[in-house]
PDB file of N, CA and C in Angstrom:
ATOM      1  N   MET A   1      61.320  -2.136 -27.496  1.00  0.00           N
ATOM      2  CA  MET A   1      60.700  -3.415 -27.855  1.00  0.00           C
ATOM      3  C   MET A   1      60.839  -3.612 -29.363  1.00  0.00           C
ATOM      4  N   SER A   2      61.293  -4.782 -29.767  1.00  0.00           N
ATOM      5  CA  SER A   2      61.485  -5.043 -31.192  1.00  0.00           C
ATOM      6  C   SER A   2      60.145  -5.165 -31.910  1.00  0.00           C
ATOM      7  N   GLN A   3      60.209  -5.039 -33.236  1.00  0.00           N
ATOM      8  CA  GLN A   3      58.997  -5.137 -34.054  1.00  0.00           C
ATOM      9  C   GLN A   3      58.321  -6.499 -33.873  1.00  0.00           C
ATOM     10  N   ASP A   4      59.116  -7.569 -33.795  1.00  0.00           N
ATOM     11  CA  ASP A   4      58.558  -8.913 -33.595  1.00  0.00           C
ATOM     12  C   ASP A   4      57.829  -9.012 -32.258  1.00  0.00           C
ATOM     13  N   ASN A   5      58.442  -8.448 -31.211  1.00  0.00           N
ATOM     14  CA  ASN A   5      57.814  -8.483 -29.893  1.00  0.00           C
ATOM     15  C   ASN A   5      56.524  -7.679 -29.879  1.00  0.00           C
ATOM     16  N   ARG A   6      56.521  -6.527 -30.546  1.00  0.00           N
ATOM     17  CA  ARG A   6      55.296  -5.710 -30.610  1.00  0.00           C
ATOM     18  C   ARG A   6      54.183  -6.463 -31.314  1.00  0.00           C
ATOM     19  N   LEU A   7      54.535  -7.099 -32.425  1.00  0.00           N
ATOM     20  CA  LEU A   7      53.537  -7.854 -33.178  1.00  0.00           C
ATOM     21  C   LEU A   7      53.006  -9.017 -32.343  1.00  0.00           C
ATOM     22  N   GLU A   8      53.899  -9.717 -31.671  1.00  0.00           N
ATOM     23  CA  GLU A   8      53.493 -10.829 -30.807  1.00  0.00           C
ATOM     24  C   GLU A   8      52.566 -10.340 -29.688  1.00  0.00           C
ATOM     25  N   LYS A   9      52.931  -9.207 -29.072  1.00  0.00           N
ATOM     26  CA  LYS A   9      52.103  -8.645 -28.001  1.00  0.00           C
ATOM     27  C   LYS A   9      50.739  -8.221 -28.543  1.00  0.00           C
ATOM     28  N   THR A  10      50.741  -7.561 -29.694  1.00  0.00           N
ATOM     29  CA  THR A  10      49.475  -7.131 -30.302  1.00  0.00           C
ATOM     30  C   THR A  10      48.590  -8.331 -30.597  1.00  0.00           C
ATOM     31  N   ASN A  11      49.164  -9.375 -31.164  1.00  0.00           N
ATOM     32  CA  ASN A  11      48.383 -10.581 -31.455  1.00  0.00           C
ATOM     33  C   ASN A  11      47.819 -11.199 -30.183  1.00  0.00           C
ATOM     34  N   ARG A  12      48.630 -11.261 -29.143  1.00  0.00           N
ATOM     35  CA  ARG A  12      48.161 -11.840 -27.874  1.00  0.00           C
ATOM     36  C   ARG A  12      47.015 -11.017 -27.293  1.00  0.00           C
ATOM     37  N   ILE A  13      47.181  -9.697 -27.264  1.00  0.00           N
ATOM     38  CA  ILE A  13      46.122  -8.839 -26.717  1.00  0.00           C
ATOM     39  C   ILE A  13      44.851  -8.989 -27.541  1.00  0.00           C
ATOM     40  N   ASN A  14      44.974  -9.040 -28.856  1.00  0.00           N
ATOM     41  CA  ASN A  14      43.788  -9.209 -29.695  1.00  0.00           C
ATOM     42  C   ASN A  14      43.096 -10.543 -29.434  1.00  0.00           C
ATOM     43  N   LEU A  15      43.880 -11.604 -29.227  1.00  0.00           N
ATOM     44  CA  LEU A  15      43.277 -12.902 -28.904  1.00  0.00           C
ATOM     45  C   LEU A  15      42.598 -12.864 -27.540  1.00  0.00           C
ATOM     46  N   LEU A  16      43.281 -12.314 -26.559  1.00  0.00           N
ATOM     47  CA  LEU A  16      42.672 -12.198 -25.225  1.00  0.00           C
ATOM     48  C   LEU A  16      41.410 -11.353 -25.294  1.00  0.00           C
ATOM     49  N   PHE A  17      41.469 -10.274 -26.060  1.00  0.00           N
ATOM     50  CA  PHE A  17      40.319  -9.386 -26.209  1.00  0.00           C
ATOM     51  C   PHE A  17      39.125 -10.147 -26.795  1.00  0.00           C
ATOM     52  N   ALA A  18      39.395 -11.011 -27.764  1.00  0.00           N
ATOM     53  CA  ALA A  18      38.319 -11.793 -28.373  1.00  0.00           C
ATOM     54  C   ALA A  18      37.617 -12.674 -27.342  1.00  0.00           C
ATOM     55  N   PHE A  19      38.367 -13.199 -26.394  1.00  0.00           N
ATOM     56  CA  PHE A  19      37.777 -14.067 -25.378  1.00  0.00           C
ATOM     57  C   PHE A  19      37.127 -13.293 -24.231  1.00  0.00           C
ATOM     58  N   TYR A  20      37.709 -12.181 -23.838  1.00  0.00           N
ATOM     59  CA  TYR A  20      37.293 -11.517 -22.594  1.00  0.00           C
ATOM     60  C   TYR A  20      36.708 -10.123 -22.786  1.00  0.00           C
ATOM     61  N   GLU A  21      36.445  -9.727 -24.016  1.00  0.00           N
ATOM     62  CA  GLU A  21      35.952  -8.372 -24.294  1.00  0.00           C
ATOM     63  C   GLU A  21      34.759  -7.994 -23.424  1.00  0.00           C
ATOM     64  N   ARG A  22      33.821  -8.871 -23.305  1.00  0.00           N
ATOM     65  CA  ARG A  22      32.588  -8.554 -22.570  1.00  0.00           C
ATOM     66  C   ARG A  22      32.809  -8.368 -21.072  1.00  0.00           C
ATOM     67  N   LEU A  23      33.959  -8.800 -20.572  1.00  0.00           N
ATOM     68  CA  LEU A  23      34.257  -8.647 -19.154  1.00  0.00           C
ATOM     69  C   LEU A  23      34.942  -7.312 -18.843  1.00  0.00           C
ATOM     70  N   LEU A  24      35.312  -6.585 -19.881  1.00  0.00           N
ATOM     71  CA  LEU A  24      35.962  -5.290 -19.709  1.00  0.00           C
ATOM     72  C   LEU A  24      34.933  -4.172 -19.636  1.00  0.00           C
ATOM     73  N   THR A  25      35.342  -3.051 -19.052  1.00  0.00           N
ATOM     74  CA  THR A  25      34.457  -1.886 -19.051  1.00  0.00           C
ATOM     75  C   THR A  25      34.362  -1.338 -20.472  1.00  0.00           C
ATOM     76  N   GLU A  26      33.370  -0.517 -20.713  1.00  0.00           N
ATOM     77  CA  GLU A  26      33.196   0.084 -22.037  1.00  0.00           C
ATOM     78  C   GLU A  26      34.426   0.913 -22.425  1.00  0.00           C
ATOM     79  N   LYS A  27      34.962   1.649 -21.475  1.00  0.00           N
ATOM     80  CA  LYS A  27      36.135   2.480 -21.756  1.00  0.00           C
ATOM     81  C   LYS A  27      37.342   1.601 -22.091  1.00  0.00           C
ATOM     82  N   GLN A  28      37.543   0.525 -21.358  1.00  0.00           N
ATOM     83  CA  GLN A  28      38.644  -0.384 -21.646  1.00  0.00           C
ATOM     84  C   GLN A  28      38.495  -0.986 -23.050  1.00  0.00           C
ATOM     85  N   GLN A  29      37.281  -1.392 -23.374  1.00  0.00           N
ATOM     86  CA  GLN A  29      37.029  -1.950 -24.696  1.00  0.00           C
ATOM     87  C   GLN A  29      37.362  -0.932 -25.789  1.00  0.00           C
ATOM     88  N   THR A  30      36.890   0.288 -25.612  1.00  0.00           N
ATOM     89  CA  THR A  30      37.098   1.335 -26.604  1.00  0.00           C
ATOM     90  C   THR A  30      38.577   1.636 -26.797  1.00  0.00           C
ATOM     91  N   PHE A  31      39.305   1.829 -25.712  1.00  0.00           N
ATOM     92  CA  PHE A  31      40.724   2.169 -25.815  1.00  0.00           C
ATOM     93  C   PHE A  31      41.528   1.036 -26.443  1.00  0.00           C
ATOM     94  N   LEU A  32      41.233  -0.205 -26.055  1.00  0.00           N
ATOM     95  CA  LEU A  32      41.950  -1.337 -26.638  1.00  0.00           C
ATOM     96  C   LEU A  32      41.635  -1.468 -28.130  1.00  0.00           C
ATOM     97  N   LYS A  33      40.379  -1.265 -28.515  1.00  0.00           N
ATOM     98  CA  LYS A  33      40.016  -1.330 -29.930  1.00  0.00           C
ATOM     99  C   LYS A  33      40.769  -0.266 -30.723  1.00  0.00           C
ATOM    100  N   TYR A  34      40.758   0.957 -30.218  1.00  0.00           N
ATOM    101  CA  TYR A  34      41.450   2.038 -30.919  1.00  0.00           C
ATOM    102  C   TYR A  34      42.937   1.736 -31.040  1.00  0.00           C
ATOM    103  N   TYR A  35      43.544   1.303 -29.968  1.00  0.00           N
ATOM    104  CA  TYR A  35      44.996   1.128 -29.930  1.00  0.00           C
ATOM    105  C   TYR A  35      45.453  -0.130 -30.674  1.00  0.00           C
ATOM    106  N   PHE A  36      44.823  -1.263 -30.392  1.00  0.00           N
ATOM    107  CA  PHE A  36      45.292  -2.520 -30.959  1.00  0.00           C
ATOM    108  C   PHE A  36      44.606  -2.900 -32.272  1.00  0.00           C
ATOM    109  N   HIS A  37      43.330  -2.625 -32.428  1.00  0.00           N
ATOM    110  CA  HIS A  37      42.624  -2.999 -33.651  1.00  0.00           C
ATOM    111  C   HIS A  37      42.806  -1.942 -34.734  1.00  0.00           C
ATOM    112  N   ASP A  38      42.618  -0.677 -34.358  1.00  0.00           N
ATOM    113  CA  ASP A  38      42.619   0.404 -35.339  1.00  0.00           C
ATOM    114  C   ASP A  38      43.972   1.089 -35.476  1.00  0.00           C
ATOM    115  N   ASP A  39      44.935   0.683 -34.643  1.00  0.00           N
ATOM    116  CA  ASP A  39      46.307   1.191 -34.706  1.00  0.00           C
ATOM    117  C   ASP A  39      46.400   2.710 -34.497  1.00  0.00           C
ATOM    118  N   PHE A  40      45.551   3.250 -33.627  1.00  0.00           N
ATOM    119  CA  PHE A  40      45.640   4.657 -33.254  1.00  0.00           C
ATOM    120  C   PHE A  40      46.831   4.832 -32.325  1.00  0.00           C
ATOM    121  N   SER A  41      47.467   5.985 -32.389  1.00  0.00           N
ATOM    122  CA  SER A  41      48.546   6.289 -31.448  1.00  0.00           C
ATOM    123  C   SER A  41      47.937   6.763 -30.131  1.00  0.00           C
ATOM    124  N   LEU A  42      48.764   6.793 -29.089  1.00  0.00           N
ATOM    125  CA  LEU A  42      48.296   7.325 -27.801  1.00  0.00           C
ATOM    126  C   LEU A  42      47.819   8.763 -27.970  1.00  0.00           C
ATOM    127  N   GLY A  43      48.560   9.544 -28.759  1.00  0.00           N
ATOM    128  CA  GLY A  43      48.195  10.943 -28.994  1.00  0.00           C
ATOM    129  C   GLY A  43      46.860  11.087 -29.698  1.00  0.00           C
ATOM    130  N   GLU A  44      46.600  10.229 -30.674  1.00  0.00           N
ATOM    131  CA  GLU A  44      45.315  10.292 -31.397  1.00  0.00           C
ATOM    132  C   GLU A  44      44.153   9.937 -30.477  1.00  0.00           C
ATOM    133  N   ILE A  45      44.349   8.936 -29.644  1.00  0.00           N
ATOM    134  CA  ILE A  45      43.288   8.563 -28.695  1.00  0.00           C
ATOM    135  C   ILE A  45      43.088   9.679 -27.678  1.00  0.00           C
ATOM    136  N   ALA A  46      44.197  10.236 -27.199  1.00  0.00           N
ATOM    137  CA  ALA A  46      44.112  11.341 -26.229  1.00  0.00           C
ATOM    138  C   ALA A  46      43.342  12.514 -26.810  1.00  0.00           C
ATOM    139  N   ALA A  47      43.612  12.854 -28.058  1.00  0.00           N
ATOM    140  CA  ALA A  47      42.909  13.965 -28.703  1.00  0.00           C
ATOM    141  C   ALA A  47      41.416  13.654 -28.852  1.00  0.00           C
ATOM    142  N   GLU A  48      41.117  12.430 -29.208  1.00  0.00           N
ATOM    143  CA  GLU A  48      39.715  12.014 -29.396  1.00  0.00           C
ATOM    144  C   GLU A  48      38.910  12.138 -28.098  1.00  0.00           C
ATOM    145  N   PHE A  49      39.523  11.791 -26.979  1.00  0.00           N
ATOM    146  CA  PHE A  49      38.815  11.784 -25.702  1.00  0.00           C
ATOM    147  C   PHE A  49      39.156  12.982 -24.816  1.00  0.00           C
ATOM    148  N   GLU A  50      39.999  13.858 -25.343  1.00  0.00           N
ATOM    149  CA  GLU A  50      40.391  15.080 -24.634  1.00  0.00           C
ATOM    150  C   GLU A  50      40.964  14.781 -23.253  1.00  0.00           C
ATOM    151  N   ILE A  51      41.910  13.838 -23.255  1.00  0.00           N
ATOM    152  CA  ILE A  51      42.638  13.495 -22.038  1.00  0.00           C
ATOM    153  C   ILE A  51      44.123  13.431 -22.398  1.00  0.00           C
ATOM    154  N   SER A  52      44.979  13.283 -21.420  1.00  0.00           N
ATOM    155  CA  SER A  52      46.416  13.246 -21.685  1.00  0.00           C
ATOM    156  C   SER A  52      46.837  11.897 -22.262  1.00  0.00           C
ATOM    157  N   ARG A  53      47.978  11.921 -22.961  1.00  0.00           N
ATOM    158  CA  ARG A  53      48.549  10.691 -23.469  1.00  0.00           C
ATOM    159  C   ARG A  53      48.846   9.726 -22.323  1.00  0.00           C
ATOM    160  N   GLN A  54      49.303  10.262 -21.213  1.00  0.00           N
ATOM    161  CA  GLN A  54      49.616   9.438 -20.042  1.00  0.00           C
ATOM    162  C   GLN A  54      48.372   8.727 -19.526  1.00  0.00           C
ATOM    163  N   ALA A  55      47.248   9.434 -19.524  1.00  0.00           N
ATOM    164  CA  ALA A  55      45.997   8.822 -19.070  1.00  0.00           C
ATOM    165  C   ALA A  55      45.586   7.680 -20.004  1.00  0.00           C
ATOM    166  N   VAL A  56      45.740   7.899 -21.300  1.00  0.00           N
ATOM    167  CA  VAL A  56      45.422   6.846 -22.270  1.00  0.00           C
ATOM    168  C   VAL A  56      46.329   5.644 -22.029  1.00  0.00           C
ATOM    169  N   TYR A  57      47.625   5.906 -21.887  1.00  0.00           N
ATOM    170  CA  TYR A  57      48.592   4.845 -21.636  1.00  0.00           C
ATOM    171  C   TYR A  57      48.206   4.031 -20.404  1.00  0.00           C
ATOM    172  N   GLU A  58      47.856   4.713 -19.323  1.00  0.00           N
ATOM    173  CA  GLU A  58      47.485   4.023 -18.082  1.00  0.00           C
ATOM    174  C   GLU A  58      46.217   3.201 -18.256  1.00  0.00           C
ATOM    175  N   HIS A  59      45.225   3.735 -18.970  1.00  0.00           N
ATOM    176  CA  HIS A  59      43.992   2.974 -19.235  1.00  0.00           C
ATOM    177  C   HIS A  59      44.308   1.701 -20.020  1.00  0.00           C
ATOM    178  N   ILE A  60      45.145   1.832 -21.031  1.00  0.00           N
ATOM    179  CA  ILE A  60      45.485   0.676 -21.861  1.00  0.00           C
ATOM    180  C   ILE A  60      46.274  -0.352 -21.054  1.00  0.00           C
ATOM    181  N   LYS A  61      47.235   0.106 -20.278  1.00  0.00           N
ATOM    182  CA  LYS A  61      48.034  -0.824 -19.462  1.00  0.00           C
ATOM    183  C   LYS A  61      47.153  -1.567 -18.456  1.00  0.00           C
ATOM    184  N   ARG A  62      46.227  -0.845 -17.815  1.00  0.00           N
ATOM    185  CA  ARG A  62      45.316  -1.507 -16.865  1.00  0.00           C
ATOM    186  C   ARG A  62      44.422  -2.520 -17.580  1.00  0.00           C
ATOM    187  N   ALA A  63      43.951  -2.162 -18.764  1.00  0.00           N
ATOM    188  CA  ALA A  63      43.101  -3.073 -19.522  1.00  0.00           C
ATOM    189  C   ALA A  63      43.881  -4.322 -19.929  1.00  0.00           C
ATOM    190  N   GLU A  64      45.145  -4.134 -20.357  1.00  0.00           N
ATOM    191  CA  GLU A  64      45.988  -5.281 -20.697  1.00  0.00           C
ATOM    192  C   GLU A  64      46.166  -6.186 -19.480  1.00  0.00           C
ATOM    193  N   GLN A  65      46.428  -5.590 -18.348  1.00  0.00           N
ATOM    194  CA  GLN A  65      46.615  -6.360 -17.118  1.00  0.00           C
ATOM    195  C   GLN A  65      45.335  -7.098 -16.736  1.00  0.00           C
ATOM    196  N   THR A  66      44.212  -6.453 -16.941  1.00  0.00           N
ATOM    197  CA  THR A  66      42.931  -7.089 -16.657  1.00  0.00           C
ATOM    198  C   THR A  66      42.745  -8.322 -17.546  1.00  0.00           C
ATOM    199  N   LEU A  67      43.065  -8.179 -18.839  1.00  0.00           N
ATOM    200  CA  LEU A  67      42.973  -9.325 -19.749  1.00  0.00           C
ATOM    201  C   LEU A  67      43.882 -10.461 -19.297  1.00  0.00           C
ATOM    202  N   GLU A  68      45.104 -10.121 -18.932  1.00  0.00           N
ATOM    203  CA  GLU A  68      46.051 -11.150 -18.481  1.00  0.00           C
ATOM    204  C   GLU A  68      45.565 -11.807 -17.184  1.00  0.00           C
ATOM    205  N   ASN A  69      44.958 -11.039 -16.302  1.00  0.00           N
ATOM    206  CA  ASN A  69      44.421 -11.602 -15.057  1.00  0.00           C
ATOM    207  C   ASN A  69      43.276 -12.573 -15.335  1.00  0.00           C
ATOM    208  N   TYR A  70      42.385 -12.188 -16.265  1.00  0.00           N
ATOM    209  CA  TYR A  70      41.303 -13.098 -16.635  1.00  0.00           C
ATOM    210  C   TYR A  70      41.871 -14.392 -17.213  1.00  0.00           C
ATOM    211  N   GLU A  71      42.881 -14.262 -18.075  1.00  0.00           N
ATOM    212  CA  GLU A  71      43.479 -15.458 -18.680  1.00  0.00           C
ATOM    213  C   GLU A  71      44.143 -16.326 -17.620  1.00  0.00           C
ATOM    214  N   ALA A  72      44.806 -15.709 -16.665  1.00  0.00           N
ATOM    215  CA  ALA A  72      45.468 -16.473 -15.599  1.00  0.00           C
ATOM    216  C   ALA A  72      44.450 -17.289 -14.806  1.00  0.00           C
ATOM    217  N   LYS A  73      43.263 -16.743 -14.640  1.00  0.00           N
ATOM    218  CA  LYS A  73      42.238 -17.434 -13.853  1.00  0.00           C
ATOM    219  C   LYS A  73      41.402 -18.399 -14.687  1.00  0.00           C
ATOM    220  N   LEU A  74      41.016 -17.996 -15.893  1.00  0.00           N
ATOM    221  CA  LEU A  74      40.076 -18.774 -16.686  1.00  0.00           C
ATOM    222  C   LEU A  74      40.728 -19.643 -17.766  1.00  0.00           C
ATOM    223  N   GLU A  75      41.884 -19.243 -18.225  1.00  0.00           N
ATOM    224  CA  GLU A  75      42.659 -19.983 -19.213  1.00  0.00           C
ATOM    225  C   GLU A  75      41.899 -20.321 -20.492  1.00  0.00           C
ATOM    226  N   LEU A  76      41.029 -19.440 -20.947  1.00  0.00           N
ATOM    227  CA  LEU A  76      40.267 -19.711 -22.164  1.00  0.00           C
ATOM    228  C   LEU A  76      41.158 -19.737 -23.399  1.00  0.00           C
ATOM    229  N   LEU A  77      42.089 -18.805 -23.495  1.00  0.00           N
ATOM    230  CA  LEU A  77      42.986 -18.773 -24.648  1.00  0.00           C
ATOM    231  C   LEU A  77      43.900 -19.993 -24.658  1.00  0.00           C
ATOM    232  N   ARG A  78      44.476 -20.343 -23.514  1.00  0.00           N
ATOM    233  CA  ARG A  78      45.353 -21.502 -23.449  1.00  0.00           C
ATOM    234  C   ARG A  78      44.603 -22.766 -23.866  1.00  0.00           C
ATOM    235  N   ARG A  79      43.386 -22.921 -23.384  1.00  0.00           N
ATOM    236  CA  ARG A  79      42.590 -24.104 -23.729  1.00  0.00           C
ATOM    237  C   ARG A  79      42.264 -24.124 -25.220  1.00  0.00           C
ATOM    238  N   HIS A  80      41.927 -22.950 -25.748  1.00  0.00           N
ATOM    239  CA  HIS A  80      41.633 -22.844 -27.182  1.00  0.00           C
ATOM    240  C   HIS A  80      42.851 -23.260 -28.005  1.00  0.00           C
ATOM    241  N   GLU A  81      44.023 -22.735 -27.638  1.00  0.00           N
ATOM    242  CA  GLU A  81      45.236 -23.066 -28.371  1.00  0.00           C
ATOM    243  C   GLU A  81      45.563 -24.553 -28.258  1.00  0.00           C
ATOM    244  N   SER A  82      45.313 -25.149 -27.110  1.00  0.00           N
ATOM    245  CA  SER A  82      45.537 -26.594 -26.937  1.00  0.00           C
ATOM    246  C   SER A  82      44.596 -27.399 -27.827  1.00  0.00           C
ATOM    247  N   ARG A  83      43.338 -27.000 -27.855  1.00  0.00           N
ATOM    248  CA  ARG A  83      42.375 -27.694 -28.719  1.00  0.00           C
ATOM    249  C   ARG A  83      42.772 -27.577 -30.188  1.00  0.00           C
ATOM    250  N   MET A  84      43.201 -26.384 -30.588  1.00  0.00           N
ATOM    251  CA  MET A  84      43.594 -26.188 -31.978  1.00  0.00           C
ATOM    252  C   MET A  84      44.805 -27.046 -32.328  1.00  0.00           C
ATOM    253  N   GLN A  85      45.729 -27.203 -31.403  1.00  0.00           N
ATOM    254  CA  GLN A  85      46.894 -28.063 -31.639  1.00  0.00           C
ATOM    255  C   GLN A  85      46.457 -29.516 -31.812  1.00  0.00           C
ATOM    256  N   GLU A  86      45.535 -29.956 -30.985  1.00  0.00           N
ATOM    257  CA  GLU A  86      45.024 -31.333 -31.107  1.00  0.00           C
ATOM    258  C   GLU A  86      44.312 -31.521 -32.443  1.00  0.00           C
ATOM    259  N   ILE A  87      43.571 -30.525 -32.878  1.00  0.00           N
ATOM    260  CA  ILE A  87      42.873 -30.600 -34.172  1.00  0.00           C
ATOM    261  C   ILE A  87      43.892 -30.687 -35.310  1.00  0.00           C
ATOM    262  N   ARG A  88      44.963 -29.895 -35.225  1.00  0.00           N
ATOM    263  CA  ARG A  88      46.012 -29.958 -36.263  1.00  0.00           C
ATOM    264  C   ARG A  88      46.642 -31.356 -36.311  1.00  0.00           C
ATOM    265  N   GLU A  89      46.833 -31.956 -35.149  1.00  0.00           N
ATOM    266  CA  GLU A  89      47.396 -33.310 -35.110  1.00  0.00           C
ATOM    267  C   GLU A  89      46.439 -34.322 -35.740  1.00  0.00           C
ATOM    268  N   LEU A  90      45.149 -34.173 -35.462  1.00  0.00           N
ATOM    269  CA  LEU A  90      44.158 -35.055 -36.093  1.00  0.00           C
ATOM    270  C   LEU A  90      44.173 -34.889 -37.606  1.00  0.00           C
ATOM    271  N   GLU A  91      44.242 -33.633 -38.050  1.00  0.00           N
ATOM    272  CA  GLU A  91      44.278 -33.380 -39.491  1.00  0.00           C
ATOM    273  C   GLU A  91      45.504 -34.022 -40.128  1.00  0.00           C
ATOM    274  N   ALA A  92      46.644 -33.888 -39.467  1.00  0.00           N
ATOM    275  CA  ALA A  92      47.870 -34.482 -39.997  1.00  0.00           C
ATOM    276  C   ALA A  92      47.725 -36.001 -40.095  1.00  0.00           C
ATOM    277  N   MET A  93      47.114 -36.600 -39.079  1.00  0.00           N
ATOM    278  CA  MET A  93      46.915 -38.048 -39.086  1.00  0.00           C
ATOM    279  C   MET A  93      45.978 -38.465 -40.222  1.00  0.00           C
ATOM    280  N   SER A  94      45.031 -37.601 -40.566  1.00  0.00           N
ATOM    281  CA  SER A  94      44.066 -37.960 -41.617  1.00  0.00           C
ATOM    282  C   SER A  94      44.724 -38.036 -42.994  1.00  0.00           C
ATOM    283  N   PHE A  95      45.971 -37.552 -43.121  1.00  0.00           N
ATOM    284  CA  PHE A  95      46.708 -37.629 -44.380  1.00  0.00           C
ATOM    285  C   PHE A  95      47.783 -38.722 -44.364  1.00  0.00           C
ATOM    286  N   ASP A  96      47.827 -39.487 -43.286  1.00  0.00           N
ATOM    287  CA  ASP A  96      48.841 -40.551 -43.148  1.00  0.00           C
ATOM    288  C   ASP A  96      48.444 -41.750 -44.012  1.00  0.00           C
ATOM    289  N   ASP A  97      49.231 -42.005 -45.050  1.00  0.00           N
ATOM    290  CA  ASP A  97      48.931 -43.098 -45.979  1.00  0.00           C
ATOM    291  C   ASP A  97      49.024 -44.479 -45.341  1.00  0.00           C
ATOM    292  N   LYS A  98      49.641 -44.563 -44.175  1.00  0.00           N
ATOM    293  CA  LYS A  98      49.784 -45.856 -43.495  1.00  0.00           C
ATOM    294  C   LYS A  98      48.463 -46.306 -42.861  1.00  0.00           C
ATOM    295  N   LEU A  99      47.563 -45.374 -42.650  1.00  0.00           N
ATOM    296  CA  LEU A  99      46.264 -45.702 -42.047  1.00  0.00           C
ATOM    297  C   LEU A  99      45.267 -46.073 -43.139  1.00  0.00           C
ATOM    298  N   PRO A 100      44.317 -46.948 -42.797  1.00  0.00           N
ATOM    299  CA  PRO A 100      43.271 -47.288 -43.773  1.00  0.00           C
ATOM    300  C   PRO A 100      42.463 -46.031 -44.156  1.00  0.00           C
ATOM    301  N   GLU A 101      41.985 -46.029 -45.387  1.00  0.00           N
ATOM    302  CA  GLU A 101      41.222 -44.885 -45.904  1.00  0.00           C
ATOM    303  C   GLU A 101      40.032 -44.546 -45.007  1.00  0.00           C
ATOM    304  N   GLU A 102      39.343 -45.553 -44.524  1.00  0.00           N
ATOM    305  CA  GLU A 102      38.176 -45.326 -43.658  1.00  0.00           C
ATOM    306  C   GLU A 102      38.584 -44.578 -42.381  1.00  0.00           C
ATOM    307  N   THR A 103      39.697 -44.957 -41.790  1.00  0.00           N
ATOM    308  CA  THR A 103      40.199 -44.304 -40.574  1.00  0.00           C
ATOM    309  C   THR A 103      40.599 -42.866 -40.875  1.00  0.00           C
ATOM    310  N   ARG A 104      41.310 -42.651 -41.995  1.00  0.00           N
ATOM    311  CA  ARG A 104      41.721 -41.295 -42.359  1.00  0.00           C
ATOM    312  C   ARG A 104      40.511 -40.400 -42.597  1.00  0.00           C
ATOM    313  N   SER A 105      39.514 -40.960 -43.247  1.00  0.00           N
ATOM    314  CA  SER A 105      38.296 -40.195 -43.521  1.00  0.00           C
ATOM    315  C   SER A 105      37.592 -39.811 -42.219  1.00  0.00           C
ATOM    316  N   ARG A 106      37.517 -40.772 -41.325  1.00  0.00           N
ATOM    317  CA  ARG A 106      36.868 -40.518 -40.024  1.00  0.00           C
ATOM    318  C   ARG A 106      37.637 -39.466 -39.226  1.00  0.00           C
ATOM    319  N   LEU A 107      38.967 -39.528 -39.236  1.00  0.00           N
ATOM    320  CA  LEU A 107      39.779 -38.521 -38.542  1.00  0.00           C
ATOM    321  C   LEU A 107      39.557 -37.135 -39.141  1.00  0.00           C
ATOM    322  N   GLY A 108      39.455 -37.075 -40.458  1.00  0.00           N
ATOM    323  CA  GLY A 108      39.180 -35.791 -41.117  1.00  0.00           C
ATOM    324  C   GLY A 108      37.824 -35.233 -40.729  1.00  0.00           C
ATOM    325  N   THR A 109      36.838 -36.110 -40.643  1.00  0.00           N
ATOM    326  CA  THR A 109      35.491 -35.686 -40.241  1.00  0.00           C
ATOM    327  C   THR A 109      35.488 -35.179 -38.799  1.00  0.00           C
ATOM    328  N   ILE A 110      36.132 -35.906 -37.906  1.00  0.00           N
ATOM    329  CA  ILE A 110      36.205 -35.516 -36.499  1.00  0.00           C
ATOM    330  C   ILE A 110      36.906 -34.162 -36.374  1.00  0.00           C
ATOM    331  N   SER A 111      37.997 -34.000 -37.082  1.00  0.00           N
ATOM    332  CA  SER A 111      38.736 -32.727 -37.013  1.00  0.00           C
ATOM    333  C   SER A 111      37.875 -31.578 -37.536  1.00  0.00           C
ATOM    334  N   GLY A 112      37.147 -31.792 -38.618  1.00  0.00           N
ATOM    335  CA  GLY A 112      36.256 -30.762 -39.141  1.00  0.00           C
ATOM    336  C   GLY A 112      35.148 -30.408 -38.175  1.00  0.00           C
ATOM    337  N   ASN A 113      34.575 -31.429 -37.536  1.00  0.00           N
ATOM    338  CA  ASN A 113      33.531 -31.196 -36.542  1.00  0.00           C
ATOM    339  C   ASN A 113      34.048 -30.400 -35.354  1.00  0.00           C
ATOM    340  N   LEU A 114      35.251 -30.730 -34.904  1.00  0.00           N
ATOM    341  CA  LEU A 114      35.840 -29.996 -33.776  1.00  0.00           C
ATOM    342  C   LEU A 114      36.125 -28.543 -34.151  1.00  0.00           C
ATOM    343  N   GLN A 115      36.603 -28.315 -35.358  1.00  0.00           N
ATOM    344  CA  GLN A 115      36.843 -26.941 -35.794  1.00  0.00           C
ATOM    345  C   GLN A 115      35.548 -26.142 -35.852  1.00  0.00           C
ATOM    346  N   ALA A 116      34.494 -26.785 -36.289  1.00  0.00           N
ATOM    347  CA  ALA A 116      33.199 -26.106 -36.368  1.00  0.00           C
ATOM    348  C   ALA A 116      32.705 -25.681 -34.988  1.00  0.00           C
ATOM    349  N   LEU A 117      33.058 -26.460 -33.972  1.00  0.00           N
ATOM    350  CA  LEU A 117      32.666 -26.120 -32.601  1.00  0.00           C
ATOM    351  C   LEU A 117      33.435 -24.922 -32.065  1.00  0.00           C
ATOM    352  N   GLU A 118      34.624 -24.670 -32.572  1.00  0.00           N
ATOM    353  CA  GLU A 118      35.445 -23.538 -32.128  1.00  0.00           C
ATOM    354  C   GLU A 118      34.779 -22.284 -32.591  1.00  0.00           C
TER     355      GLU A 118
END
């Protein structure tokens, strides 16, 4: 797996984790935090918990699959990303000189309010 793909995967797992952390078991949460947040190797996690590297790998893979399953059903991350895209479009419109100042100001306020809700 290329460095770009690893980074993309890590970012995705971290985003999914932010949305679905509370739905995971304590062990799944711990292993994902160590591996993806703290950048521990499989060997370091295995040593910490006195289990095999293979066992750590399997726990992490199952946890990743669980996150993806939650996303497939609940789509919280997809919805969040869609909302953020709409907010970016509103922000861009608020800088459009072709619109009256009052309209641009209102669009900026709406976009700020929506971001605050996120």
